[in-house]
């Protein structure tokens, strides 16, 4: 008998960029995200993550901690967290307090995924008050400071994170290279790789992570999550049509003109040149589009290639109902 996804024991989770589609508002996007979270919770998805981006007209999750509270308050059991918070943009104390508050409100359900990239352009970095000379090299020191705030020190510590101190909040390191993979291995933390948009270093990074991993109180053994773009529809043709919205949005990023998520088009080849098409195809190495059977076969290949413990799914689809339906169809793999 051939192996199915259910046989692998791999978890499925959701990465939601809270897309603002053309013709809608950020308020619409936030309502749609809560609706999606409530559905995927019922379908057996393990966690629901939101990502920090700034100055992006098509993404409504810039105030990531606030959106996490919105999603967690409207759900019952699914884990909710950041995929991720860009730690160098923030004071570690403030992040400890924010996530300490979230964990106090929704105990046992909050994840803190951390990245070191700015999640923005240089002008936005200035507006965030992040120094333009910062390149993320101070990320290990910022992470250590953050972890210290979560430890129980009592009154001897002059500056304390309250809420936050003494709370057990899973910390994940996120990356698109081997920097965070090596750091996660040294600290014994779970690691998530952004293969949904940066596939090139995936296999090397997770190989380094597993090879260098040191057990800790957080994880006894390596735990790897990998990202994939997935669109599931009734037919391969319909799924490919829906995917043209995502392709157009990535094309706008390549051209330096990010915008809201556009409606799908019948012929995407009319919109890009050969170099742009090649760039998108390389970025889309771990993009799985088609019917459930088509996508399941590709996901099984992905698992064989990575030995991942969990796959986190991003689905940029213009129609909210089609996005919900895509996750519903994919969720059949969990049943």
C-alpha atoms as a PDB file:
ATOM      1  CA  UNK A   1       0.000   0.000   0.000  1.00  0.00           C
ATOM      2  CA  UNK A   2       1.356   3.436  -0.900  1.00  0.00           C
ATOM      3  CA  UNK A   3       2.155   5.868   1.904  1.00  0.00           C
ATOM      4  CA  UNK A   4      -0.260   8.726   2.608  1.00  0.00           C
ATOM      5  CA  UNK A   5       0.294  11.996   4.413  1.00  0.00           C
ATOM      6  CA  UNK A   6      -1.538  10.639   7.462  1.00  0.00           C
ATOM      7  CA  UNK A   7       1.085   7.886   7.723  1.00  0.00           C
ATOM      8  CA  UNK A   8       3.922  10.410   8.148  1.00  0.00           C
ATOM      9  CA  UNK A   9       2.830  11.894  11.481  1.00  0.00           C
ATOM     10  CA  UNK A  10       3.816  15.341  10.197  1.00  0.00           C
ATOM     11  CA  UNK A  11       1.810  18.277  11.529  1.00  0.00           C
ATOM     12  CA  UNK A  12       0.189  20.933   9.335  1.00  0.00           C
ATOM     13  CA  UNK A  13       0.003  24.561  10.420  1.00  0.00           C
ATOM     14  CA  UNK A  14      -0.966  27.921   8.909  1.00  0.00           C
ATOM     15  CA  UNK A  15       1.160  30.985   8.167  1.00  0.00           C
ATOM     16  CA  UNK A  16      -1.198  33.905   7.587  1.00  0.00           C
ATOM     17  CA  UNK A  17       0.117  37.188   6.187  1.00  0.00           C
ATOM     18  CA  UNK A  18      -3.366  38.697   6.682  1.00  0.00           C
ATOM     19  CA  UNK A  19      -3.575  39.675   2.994  1.00  0.00           C
ATOM     20  CA  UNK A  20      -5.309  42.903   2.024  1.00  0.00           C
ATOM     21  CA  UNK A  21      -6.825  42.207  -1.373  1.00  0.00           C
ATOM     22  CA  UNK A  22      -7.576  44.856  -3.964  1.00  0.00           C
ATOM     23  CA  UNK A  23     -10.922  46.480  -3.212  1.00  0.00           C
ATOM     24  CA  UNK A  24     -10.838  45.563   0.485  1.00  0.00           C
ATOM     25  CA  UNK A  25      -9.437  47.143   3.645  1.00  0.00           C
ATOM     26  CA  UNK A  26      -7.199  46.053   6.510  1.00  0.00           C
ATOM     27  CA  UNK A  27     -10.349  45.633   8.600  1.00  0.00           C
ATOM     28  CA  UNK A  28     -11.685  43.166   6.028  1.00  0.00           C
ATOM     29  CA  UNK A  29      -8.373  41.285   6.082  1.00  0.00           C
ATOM     30  CA  UNK A  30      -8.399  40.977   9.875  1.00  0.00           C
ATOM     31  CA  UNK A  31     -11.974  39.687   9.897  1.00  0.00           C
ATOM     32  CA  UNK A  32     -11.122  37.174   7.178  1.00  0.00           C
ATOM     33  CA  UNK A  33      -8.106  35.922   9.110  1.00  0.00           C
ATOM     34  CA  UNK A  34     -10.156  35.268  12.221  1.00  0.00           C
ATOM     35  CA  UNK A  35     -12.733  33.412  10.132  1.00  0.00           C
ATOM     36  CA  UNK A  36      -9.982  31.288   8.580  1.00  0.00           C
ATOM     37  CA  UNK A  37      -8.439  30.552  11.987  1.00  0.00           C
ATOM     38  CA  UNK A  38     -11.775  29.365  13.340  1.00  0.00           C
ATOM     39  CA  UNK A  39     -12.174  27.013  10.379  1.00  0.00           C
ATOM     40  CA  UNK A  40      -8.670  25.512  10.428  1.00  0.00           C
ATOM     41  CA  UNK A  41      -8.922  24.938  14.176  1.00  0.00           C
ATOM     42  CA  UNK A  42     -11.887  22.671  13.516  1.00  0.00           C
ATOM     43  CA  UNK A  43     -10.047  20.890  10.702  1.00  0.00           C
ATOM     44  CA  UNK A  44      -7.108  19.813  12.864  1.00  0.00           C
ATOM     45  CA  UNK A  45      -4.341  22.262  11.964  1.00  0.00           C
ATOM     46  CA  UNK A  46      -1.806  22.528  14.781  1.00  0.00           C
ATOM     47  CA  UNK A  47      -0.864  26.204  14.969  1.00  0.00           C
ATOM     48  CA  UNK A  48      -1.703  29.567  13.386  1.00  0.00           C
ATOM     49  CA  UNK A  49       1.150  32.027  12.941  1.00  0.00           C
ATOM     50  CA  UNK A  50       1.215  35.694  11.937  1.00  0.00           C
ATOM     51  CA  UNK A  51       4.230  37.474  10.454  1.00  0.00           C
ATOM     52  CA  UNK A  52       5.679  40.927  11.106  1.00  0.00           C
ATOM     53  CA  UNK A  53       5.978  43.089   7.989  1.00  0.00           C
ATOM     54  CA  UNK A  54       6.012  46.887   7.752  1.00  0.00           C
ATOM     55  CA  UNK A  55       5.148  49.372   5.002  1.00  0.00           C
ATOM     56  CA  UNK A  56       3.541  46.636   2.914  1.00  0.00           C
ATOM     57  CA  UNK A  57       0.210  47.719   1.366  1.00  0.00           C
ATOM     58  CA  UNK A  58      -0.962  44.120   1.028  1.00  0.00           C
ATOM     59  CA  UNK A  59      -0.220  42.850   4.564  1.00  0.00           C
ATOM     60  CA  UNK A  60      -2.228  43.761   7.682  1.00  0.00           C
ATOM     61  CA  UNK A  61      -0.155  41.975  10.365  1.00  0.00           C
ATOM     62  CA  UNK A  62       2.356  44.742  11.164  1.00  0.00           C
ATOM     63  CA  UNK A  63       1.150  44.994  14.804  1.00  0.00           C
ATOM     64  CA  UNK A  64       1.773  41.287  15.153  1.00  0.00           C
ATOM     65  CA  UNK A  65       1.159  40.897  18.887  1.00  0.00           C
ATOM     66  CA  UNK A  66      -2.197  42.659  18.560  1.00  0.00           C
ATOM     67  CA  UNK A  67      -3.263  40.386  15.700  1.00  0.00           C
ATOM     68  CA  UNK A  68      -2.199  37.310  17.692  1.00  0.00           C
ATOM     69  CA  UNK A  69      -4.502  38.455  20.504  1.00  0.00           C
ATOM     70  CA  UNK A  70      -7.325  38.947  17.964  1.00  0.00           C
ATOM     71  CA  UNK A  71      -6.920  35.403  16.621  1.00  0.00           C
ATOM     72  CA  UNK A  72      -6.396  33.727  20.004  1.00  0.00           C
ATOM     73  CA  UNK A  73      -9.462  35.452  21.482  1.00  0.00           C
ATOM     74  CA  UNK A  74     -11.642  34.113  18.670  1.00  0.00           C
ATOM     75  CA  UNK A  75     -10.411  30.504  18.854  1.00  0.00           C
ATOM     76  CA  UNK A  76     -10.343  27.855  21.564  1.00  0.00           C
ATOM     77  CA  UNK A  77      -7.437  25.436  21.272  1.00  0.00           C
ATOM     78  CA  UNK A  78      -5.212  26.044  18.237  1.00  0.00           C
ATOM     79  CA  UNK A  79      -1.756  27.399  19.076  1.00  0.00           C
ATOM     80  CA  UNK A  80      -1.286  30.995  17.947  1.00  0.00           C
ATOM     81  CA  UNK A  81       2.001  32.816  17.541  1.00  0.00           C
ATOM     82  CA  UNK A  82       4.466  34.806  15.512  1.00  0.00           C
ATOM     83  CA  UNK A  83       6.152  33.615  12.393  1.00  0.00           C
ATOM     84  CA  UNK A  84       7.836  35.782  13.252  1.00  0.00           C
ATOM     85  CA  UNK A  85       8.609  38.812  15.356  1.00  0.00           C
ATOM     86  CA  UNK A  86      11.688  40.556  13.925  1.00  0.00           C
ATOM     87  CA  UNK A  87      13.514  40.933  17.235  1.00  0.00           C
ATOM     88  CA  UNK A  88      16.087  43.587  16.195  1.00  0.00           C
ATOM     89  CA  UNK A  89      13.153  45.943  15.491  1.00  0.00           C
ATOM     90  CA  UNK A  90      12.140  45.858  19.166  1.00  0.00           C
ATOM     91  CA  UNK A  91      13.262  46.131  22.743  1.00  0.00           C
ATOM     92  CA  UNK A  92      13.527  42.582  24.149  1.00  0.00           C
ATOM     93  CA  UNK A  93      11.769  43.832  27.286  1.00  0.00           C
ATOM     94  CA  UNK A  94       8.766  45.000  25.268  1.00  0.00           C
ATOM     95  CA  UNK A  95       8.496  41.659  23.438  1.00  0.00           C
ATOM     96  CA  UNK A  96       8.769  39.790  26.753  1.00  0.00           C
ATOM     97  CA  UNK A  97       5.954  41.912  28.175  1.00  0.00           C
ATOM     98  CA  UNK A  98       3.769  41.563  25.076  1.00  0.00           C
ATOM     99  CA  UNK A  99       4.119  37.801  24.877  1.00  0.00           C
ATOM    100  CA  UNK A 100       3.924  37.473  28.635  1.00  0.00           C
ATOM    101  CA  UNK A 101       0.584  39.245  28.396  1.00  0.00           C
ATOM    102  CA  UNK A 102      -0.538  36.962  25.556  1.00  0.00           C
ATOM    103  CA  UNK A 103       0.470  33.842  27.496  1.00  0.00           C
ATOM    104  CA  UNK A 104      -1.342  35.156  30.579  1.00  0.00           C
ATOM    105  CA  UNK A 105      -4.499  35.708  28.533  1.00  0.00           C
ATOM    106  CA  UNK A 106      -4.281  32.446  26.551  1.00  0.00           C
ATOM    107  CA  UNK A 107      -2.217  30.025  28.663  1.00  0.00           C
ATOM    108  CA  UNK A 108      -0.533  27.150  26.887  1.00  0.00           C
ATOM    109  CA  UNK A 109      -1.413  28.387  23.388  1.00  0.00           C
ATOM    110  CA  UNK A 110       1.193  31.048  22.519  1.00  0.00           C
ATOM    111  CA  UNK A 111       4.347  30.603  20.394  1.00  0.00           C
ATOM    112  CA  UNK A 112       7.107  33.195  20.018  1.00  0.00           C
ATOM    113  CA  UNK A 113       8.841  32.777  16.679  1.00  0.00           C
ATOM    114  CA  UNK A 114      11.765  35.157  16.170  1.00  0.00           C
ATOM    115  CA  UNK A 115      13.612  36.397  13.099  1.00  0.00           C
ATOM    116  CA  UNK A 116      16.512  38.794  12.665  1.00  0.00           C
ATOM    117  CA  UNK A 117      15.634  40.485   9.361  1.00  0.00           C
ATOM    118  CA  UNK A 118      14.019  43.954   9.372  1.00  0.00           C
ATOM    119  CA  UNK A 119      10.892  42.873   7.502  1.00  0.00           C
ATOM    120  CA  UNK A 120      10.956  46.237   5.737  1.00  0.00           C
ATOM    121  CA  UNK A 121      12.946  48.642   3.565  1.00  0.00           C
ATOM    122  CA  UNK A 122      15.613  51.115   4.699  1.00  0.00           C
ATOM    123  CA  UNK A 123      13.245  54.074   5.024  1.00  0.00           C
ATOM    124  CA  UNK A 124      10.923  51.986   7.188  1.00  0.00           C
ATOM    125  CA  UNK A 125      13.880  50.827   9.275  1.00  0.00           C
ATOM    126  CA  UNK A 126      14.548  54.494  10.054  1.00  0.00           C
ATOM    127  CA  UNK A 127      10.907  55.005  11.002  1.00  0.00           C
ATOM    128  CA  UNK A 128      11.110  51.972  13.321  1.00  0.00           C
ATOM    129  CA  UNK A 129      14.242  53.599  14.806  1.00  0.00           C
ATOM    130  CA  UNK A 130      16.357  50.637  13.794  1.00  0.00           C
ATOM    131  CA  UNK A 131      19.912  51.689  12.969  1.00  0.00           C
ATOM    132  CA  UNK A 132      20.829  51.342   9.319  1.00  0.00           C
ATOM    133  CA  UNK A 133      24.173  49.819  10.301  1.00  0.00           C
ATOM    134  CA  UNK A 134      22.457  46.908  12.049  1.00  0.00           C
ATOM    135  CA  UNK A 135      22.796  43.681  10.095  1.00  0.00           C
ATOM    136  CA  UNK A 136      21.351  41.233  12.604  1.00  0.00           C
ATOM    137  CA  UNK A 137      24.706  40.248  14.101  1.00  0.00           C
ATOM    138  CA  UNK A 138      23.485  41.332  17.530  1.00  0.00           C
ATOM    139  CA  UNK A 139      20.547  38.916  17.334  1.00  0.00           C
ATOM    140  CA  UNK A 140      22.118  36.335  19.718  1.00  0.00           C
ATOM    141  CA  UNK A 141      22.617  39.031  22.370  1.00  0.00           C
ATOM    142  CA  UNK A 142      19.056  40.317  21.954  1.00  0.00           C
ATOM    143  CA  UNK A 143      17.736  36.749  22.188  1.00  0.00           C
ATOM    144  CA  UNK A 144      19.715  36.112  25.372  1.00  0.00           C
ATOM    145  CA  UNK A 145      18.313  39.297  26.910  1.00  0.00           C
ATOM    146  CA  UNK A 146      14.788  38.252  25.963  1.00  0.00           C
ATOM    147  CA  UNK A 147      15.243  34.790  27.464  1.00  0.00           C
ATOM    148  CA  UNK A 148      16.515  36.358  30.694  1.00  0.00           C
ATOM    149  CA  UNK A 149      13.267  38.302  31.061  1.00  0.00           C
ATOM    150  CA  UNK A 150      11.261  35.067  30.937  1.00  0.00           C
ATOM    151  CA  UNK A 151      13.324  33.471  33.707  1.00  0.00           C
ATOM    152  CA  UNK A 152      12.340  33.755  37.367  1.00  0.00           C
ATOM    153  CA  UNK A 153      14.758  36.086  39.145  1.00  0.00           C
ATOM    154  CA  UNK A 154      12.601  37.541  41.878  1.00  0.00           C
ATOM    155  CA  UNK A 155      13.075  41.004  43.226  1.00  0.00           C
ATOM    156  CA  UNK A 156      16.875  40.978  42.841  1.00  0.00           C
ATOM    157  CA  UNK A 157      16.531  41.833  39.151  1.00  0.00           C
ATOM    158  CA  UNK A 158      16.240  45.572  38.668  1.00  0.00           C
ATOM    159  CA  UNK A 159      14.240  45.392  35.406  1.00  0.00           C
ATOM    160  CA  UNK A 160      11.596  42.668  35.193  1.00  0.00           C
ATOM    161  CA  UNK A 161       9.046  41.686  32.529  1.00  0.00           C
ATOM    162  CA  UNK A 162       5.660  41.571  34.198  1.00  0.00           C
ATOM    163  CA  UNK A 163       3.720  39.758  32.743  1.00  0.00           C
ATOM    164  CA  UNK A 164       6.401  37.518  31.305  1.00  0.00           C
ATOM    165  CA  UNK A 165       8.712  36.538  34.141  1.00  0.00           C
ATOM    166  CA  UNK A 166       8.481  32.849  34.995  1.00  0.00           C
ATOM    167  CA  UNK A 167       6.228  31.960  32.070  1.00  0.00           C
ATOM    168  CA  UNK A 168       6.999  29.039  29.770  1.00  0.00           C
ATOM    169  CA  UNK A 169       6.561  30.374  26.238  1.00  0.00           C
ATOM    170  CA  UNK A 170       8.051  28.261  23.418  1.00  0.00           C
ATOM    171  CA  UNK A 171      10.676  30.259  21.524  1.00  0.00           C
ATOM    172  CA  UNK A 172      11.338  29.339  17.908  1.00  0.00           C
ATOM    173  CA  UNK A 173      14.116  30.641  15.699  1.00  0.00           C
ATOM    174  CA  UNK A 174      13.156  31.393  12.105  1.00  0.00           C
ATOM    175  CA  UNK A 175      15.507  31.798   9.194  1.00  0.00           C
ATOM    176  CA  UNK A 176      16.224  31.705   5.491  1.00  0.00           C
ATOM    177  CA  UNK A 177      19.926  30.858   5.879  1.00  0.00           C
ATOM    178  CA  UNK A 178      22.075  28.804   8.225  1.00  0.00           C
ATOM    179  CA  UNK A 179      22.688  31.622  10.767  1.00  0.00           C
ATOM    180  CA  UNK A 180      19.559  30.995  12.841  1.00  0.00           C
ATOM    181  CA  UNK A 181      19.812  27.257  12.182  1.00  0.00           C
ATOM    182  CA  UNK A 182      23.195  27.121  13.916  1.00  0.00           C
ATOM    183  CA  UNK A 183      22.021  29.350  16.749  1.00  0.00           C
ATOM    184  CA  UNK A 184      18.865  27.284  17.279  1.00  0.00           C
ATOM    185  CA  UNK A 185      20.998  24.127  17.355  1.00  0.00           C
ATOM    186  CA  UNK A 186      23.393  25.571  19.944  1.00  0.00           C
ATOM    187  CA  UNK A 187      20.527  26.713  22.178  1.00  0.00           C
ATOM    188  CA  UNK A 188      18.399  23.599  21.687  1.00  0.00           C
ATOM    189  CA  UNK A 189      15.429  25.495  20.236  1.00  0.00           C
ATOM    190  CA  UNK A 190      12.970  24.446  17.512  1.00  0.00           C
ATOM    191  CA  UNK A 191      13.798  25.821  14.062  1.00  0.00           C
ATOM    192  CA  UNK A 192      11.570  26.981  11.200  1.00  0.00           C
ATOM    193  CA  UNK A 193      12.900  27.653   7.708  1.00  0.00           C
ATOM    194  CA  UNK A 194      11.232  30.105   5.316  1.00  0.00           C
ATOM    195  CA  UNK A 195      11.370  27.769   2.330  1.00  0.00           C
ATOM    196  CA  UNK A 196       8.066  29.150   1.028  1.00  0.00           C
ATOM    197  CA  UNK A 197       9.946  32.188  -0.305  1.00  0.00           C
ATOM    198  CA  UNK A 198      13.650  31.363   0.090  1.00  0.00           C
ATOM    199  CA  UNK A 199      14.218  27.732  -0.879  1.00  0.00           C
ATOM    200  CA  UNK A 200      17.906  27.865  -1.757  1.00  0.00           C
ATOM    201  CA  UNK A 201      19.492  27.212   1.647  1.00  0.00           C
ATOM    202  CA  UNK A 202      16.795  24.931   3.055  1.00  0.00           C
ATOM    203  CA  UNK A 203      18.531  21.565   2.925  1.00  0.00           C
ATOM    204  CA  UNK A 204      21.911  22.894   4.067  1.00  0.00           C
ATOM    205  CA  UNK A 205      20.363  24.861   6.938  1.00  0.00           C
ATOM    206  CA  UNK A 206      18.350  21.967   8.349  1.00  0.00           C
ATOM    207  CA  UNK A 207      21.329  19.632   7.910  1.00  0.00           C
ATOM    208  CA  UNK A 208      23.450  22.023   9.974  1.00  0.00           C
ATOM    209  CA  UNK A 209      20.700  22.359  12.567  1.00  0.00           C
ATOM    210  CA  UNK A 210      20.335  18.624  13.064  1.00  0.00           C
ATOM    211  CA  UNK A 211      24.076  17.957  13.028  1.00  0.00           C
ATOM    212  CA  UNK A 212      24.913  20.642  15.613  1.00  0.00           C
ATOM    213  CA  UNK A 213      21.824  20.309  17.825  1.00  0.00           C
ATOM    214  CA  UNK A 214      22.362  20.272  21.609  1.00  0.00           C
ATOM    215  CA  UNK A 215      19.545  19.063  23.829  1.00  0.00           C
ATOM    216  CA  UNK A 216      17.935  21.610  26.140  1.00  0.00           C
ATOM    217  CA  UNK A 217      14.996  22.030  28.485  1.00  0.00           C
ATOM    218  CA  UNK A 218      13.063  23.331  25.442  1.00  0.00           C
ATOM    219  CA  UNK A 219      13.723  20.416  23.079  1.00  0.00           C
ATOM    220  CA  UNK A 220      15.348  17.039  23.704  1.00  0.00           C
ATOM    221  CA  UNK A 221      15.918  16.525  19.981  1.00  0.00           C
ATOM    222  CA  UNK A 222      15.830  18.640  16.798  1.00  0.00           C
ATOM    223  CA  UNK A 223      12.426  19.854  15.653  1.00  0.00           C
ATOM    224  CA  UNK A 224      12.141  21.232  12.117  1.00  0.00           C
ATOM    225  CA  UNK A 225       9.289  23.177  10.561  1.00  0.00           C
ATOM    226  CA  UNK A 226       9.412  24.057   6.858  1.00  0.00           C
ATOM    227  CA  UNK A 227       7.288  26.497   4.890  1.00  0.00           C
ATOM    228  CA  UNK A 228       5.376  25.879   1.670  1.00  0.00           C
ATOM    229  CA  UNK A 229       2.911  27.776  -0.476  1.00  0.00           C
ATOM    230  CA  UNK A 230      -0.104  25.573  -1.134  1.00  0.00           C
ATOM    231  CA  UNK A 231      -3.247  26.130  -3.185  1.00  0.00           C
ATOM    232  CA  UNK A 232      -5.756  23.296  -3.469  1.00  0.00           C
ATOM    233  CA  UNK A 233      -8.832  23.429  -5.691  1.00  0.00           C
ATOM    234  CA  UNK A 234     -11.268  21.119  -7.453  1.00  0.00           C
ATOM    235  CA  UNK A 235      -9.029  20.910 -10.515  1.00  0.00           C
ATOM    236  CA  UNK A 236      -5.383  21.577 -11.305  1.00  0.00           C
ATOM    237  CA  UNK A 237      -6.488  24.268 -13.760  1.00  0.00           C
ATOM    238  CA  UNK A 238      -8.540  26.130 -11.152  1.00  0.00           C
ATOM    239  CA  UNK A 239      -5.684  25.975  -8.645  1.00  0.00           C
ATOM    240  CA  UNK A 240      -3.230  27.358 -11.216  1.00  0.00           C
ATOM    241  CA  UNK A 241      -5.679  30.170 -11.975  1.00  0.00           C
ATOM    242  CA  UNK A 242      -6.011  31.057  -8.281  1.00  0.00           C
ATOM    243  CA  UNK A 243      -2.216  31.015  -7.934  1.00  0.00           C
ATOM    244  CA  UNK A 244      -1.798  33.881 -10.401  1.00  0.00           C
ATOM    245  CA  UNK A 245      -2.762  36.318  -7.621  1.00  0.00           C
ATOM    246  CA  UNK A 246       0.239  35.178  -5.577  1.00  0.00           C
ATOM    247  CA  UNK A 247       2.454  35.273  -8.662  1.00  0.00           C
ATOM    248  CA  UNK A 248       1.421  38.838  -9.427  1.00  0.00           C
ATOM    249  CA  UNK A 249       2.124  39.910  -5.849  1.00  0.00           C
ATOM    250  CA  UNK A 250       5.606  38.376  -5.906  1.00  0.00           C
ATOM    251  CA  UNK A 251       6.193  40.014  -9.280  1.00  0.00           C
ATOM    252  CA  UNK A 252       5.358  43.384  -7.754  1.00  0.00           C
ATOM    253  CA  UNK A 253       7.909  42.747  -4.998  1.00  0.00           C
ATOM    254  CA  UNK A 254      10.592  41.862  -7.534  1.00  0.00           C
ATOM    255  CA  UNK A 255       9.843  45.135  -9.311  1.00  0.00           C
ATOM    256  CA  UNK A 256      10.079  47.077  -6.055  1.00  0.00           C
ATOM    257  CA  UNK A 257       6.419  48.082  -6.109  1.00  0.00           C
ATOM    258  CA  UNK A 258       4.603  46.032  -3.453  1.00  0.00           C
ATOM    259  CA  UNK A 259       0.840  46.269  -3.543  1.00  0.00           C
ATOM    260  CA  UNK A 260      -2.387  44.661  -2.459  1.00  0.00           C
ATOM    261  CA  UNK A 261      -3.197  41.115  -3.526  1.00  0.00           C
ATOM    262  CA  UNK A 262      -4.715  41.339  -7.028  1.00  0.00           C
ATOM    263  CA  UNK A 263      -7.446  39.177  -8.569  1.00  0.00           C
ATOM    264  CA  UNK A 264      -6.296  36.181 -10.627  1.00  0.00           C
ATOM    265  CA  UNK A 265      -5.707  36.463 -14.364  1.00  0.00           C
ATOM    266  CA  UNK A 266      -6.234  34.027 -17.207  1.00  0.00           C
ATOM    267  CA  UNK A 267      -2.742  34.400 -18.697  1.00  0.00           C
ATOM    268  CA  UNK A 268       0.082  35.261 -16.314  1.00  0.00           C
ATOM    269  CA  UNK A 269       2.602  34.983 -19.175  1.00  0.00           C
ATOM    270  CA  UNK A 270       1.346  38.335 -20.462  1.00  0.00           C
ATOM    271  CA  UNK A 271       2.551  40.048 -17.293  1.00  0.00           C
ATOM    272  CA  UNK A 272       6.175  38.952 -16.849  1.00  0.00           C
ATOM    273  CA  UNK A 273       9.331  38.793 -18.923  1.00  0.00           C
ATOM    274  CA  UNK A 274      11.500  35.635 -19.154  1.00  0.00           C
ATOM    275  CA  UNK A 275      13.917  36.786 -16.423  1.00  0.00           C
ATOM    276  CA  UNK A 276      11.068  37.576 -14.035  1.00  0.00           C
ATOM    277  CA  UNK A 277       9.423  34.243 -14.783  1.00  0.00           C
ATOM    278  CA  UNK A 278      12.658  32.396 -14.015  1.00  0.00           C
ATOM    279  CA  UNK A 279      13.058  34.308 -10.732  1.00  0.00           C
ATOM    280  CA  UNK A 280       9.519  33.462  -9.675  1.00  0.00           C
ATOM    281  CA  UNK A 281       9.919  29.811 -10.604  1.00  0.00           C
ATOM    282  CA  UNK A 282      13.086  29.513  -8.502  1.00  0.00           C
ATOM    283  CA  UNK A 283      11.376  31.158  -5.542  1.00  0.00           C
ATOM    284  CA  UNK A 284       8.399  28.810  -5.982  1.00  0.00           C
ATOM    285  CA  UNK A 285      10.371  25.569  -5.650  1.00  0.00           C
ATOM    286  CA  UNK A 286       8.250  24.637  -2.649  1.00  0.00           C
ATOM    287  CA  UNK A 287       4.937  25.868  -4.005  1.00  0.00           C
ATOM    288  CA  UNK A 288       2.382  23.087  -4.437  1.00  0.00           C
ATOM    289  CA  UNK A 289      -0.661  23.794  -6.589  1.00  0.00           C
ATOM    290  CA  UNK A 290      -3.437  21.503  -7.796  1.00  0.00           C
ATOM    291  CA  UNK A 291      -6.035  19.023  -6.637  1.00  0.00           C
ATOM    292  CA  UNK A 292      -5.645  17.344  -3.258  1.00  0.00           C
ATOM    293  CA  UNK A 293      -4.092  14.244  -4.818  1.00  0.00           C
ATOM    294  CA  UNK A 294      -1.638  16.368  -6.822  1.00  0.00           C
ATOM    295  CA  UNK A 295      -0.655  18.383  -3.759  1.00  0.00           C
ATOM    296  CA  UNK A 296      -0.412  15.362  -1.449  1.00  0.00           C
ATOM    297  CA  UNK A 297       2.105  13.722  -3.779  1.00  0.00           C
ATOM    298  CA  UNK A 298       4.227  16.889  -3.805  1.00  0.00           C
ATOM    299  CA  UNK A 299       4.032  17.252  -0.025  1.00  0.00           C
ATOM    300  CA  UNK A 300       5.108  13.625   0.438  1.00  0.00           C
ATOM    301  CA  UNK A 301       8.141  14.329  -1.774  1.00  0.00           C
ATOM    302  CA  UNK A 302       8.842  17.432   0.331  1.00  0.00           C
ATOM    303  CA  UNK A 303       8.742  15.361   3.528  1.00  0.00           C
ATOM    304  CA  UNK A 304      11.044  12.728   2.039  1.00  0.00           C
ATOM    305  CA  UNK A 305      13.467  15.486   1.029  1.00  0.00           C
ATOM    306  CA  UNK A 306      13.480  17.292   4.399  1.00  0.00           C
ATOM    307  CA  UNK A 307      12.316  14.787   7.048  1.00  0.00           C
ATOM    308  CA  UNK A 308      10.369  17.730   8.469  1.00  0.00           C
ATOM    309  CA  UNK A 309       8.381  17.410  11.682  1.00  0.00           C
ATOM    310  CA  UNK A 310       5.878  20.064  10.606  1.00  0.00           C
ATOM    311  CA  UNK A 311       4.885  22.002   7.494  1.00  0.00           C
ATOM    312  CA  UNK A 312       3.507  25.514   7.783  1.00  0.00           C
ATOM    313  CA  UNK A 313       1.278  26.498   4.879  1.00  0.00           C
ATOM    314  CA  UNK A 314       0.897  29.929   3.312  1.00  0.00           C
ATOM    315  CA  UNK A 315      -1.928  30.414   0.802  1.00  0.00           C
ATOM    316  CA  UNK A 316      -2.238  33.796  -0.910  1.00  0.00           C
ATOM    317  CA  UNK A 317      -5.601  33.616  -2.652  1.00  0.00           C
ATOM    318  CA  UNK A 318      -7.671  36.634  -3.718  1.00  0.00           C
ATOM    319  CA  UNK A 319     -11.085  35.198  -2.834  1.00  0.00           C
ATOM    320  CA  UNK A 320     -11.514  34.599   0.890  1.00  0.00           C
ATOM    321  CA  UNK A 321     -13.970  31.781   0.257  1.00  0.00           C
ATOM    322  CA  UNK A 322     -11.484  30.120  -2.121  1.00  0.00           C
ATOM    323  CA  UNK A 323      -8.716  30.480   0.491  1.00  0.00           C
ATOM    324  CA  UNK A 324     -10.898  28.854   3.146  1.00  0.00           C
ATOM    325  CA  UNK A 325     -11.831  26.109   0.684  1.00  0.00           C
ATOM    326  CA  UNK A 326      -8.174  25.465  -0.143  1.00  0.00           C
ATOM    327  CA  UNK A 327      -7.369  24.913   3.537  1.00  0.00           C
ATOM    328  CA  UNK A 328     -10.495  22.762   3.922  1.00  0.00           C
ATOM    329  CA  UNK A 329      -9.424  20.486   1.098  1.00  0.00           C
ATOM    330  CA  UNK A 330      -5.848  20.301   2.401  1.00  0.00           C
ATOM    331  CA  UNK A 331      -7.167  19.573   5.893  1.00  0.00           C
ATOM    332  CA  UNK A 332      -8.578  16.284   4.616  1.00  0.00           C
ATOM    333  CA  UNK A 333      -5.002  14.992   4.840  1.00  0.00           C
ATOM    334  CA  UNK A 334      -5.266  15.302   8.615  1.00  0.00           C
ATOM    335  CA  UNK A 335      -8.402  13.206   8.956  1.00  0.00           C
END
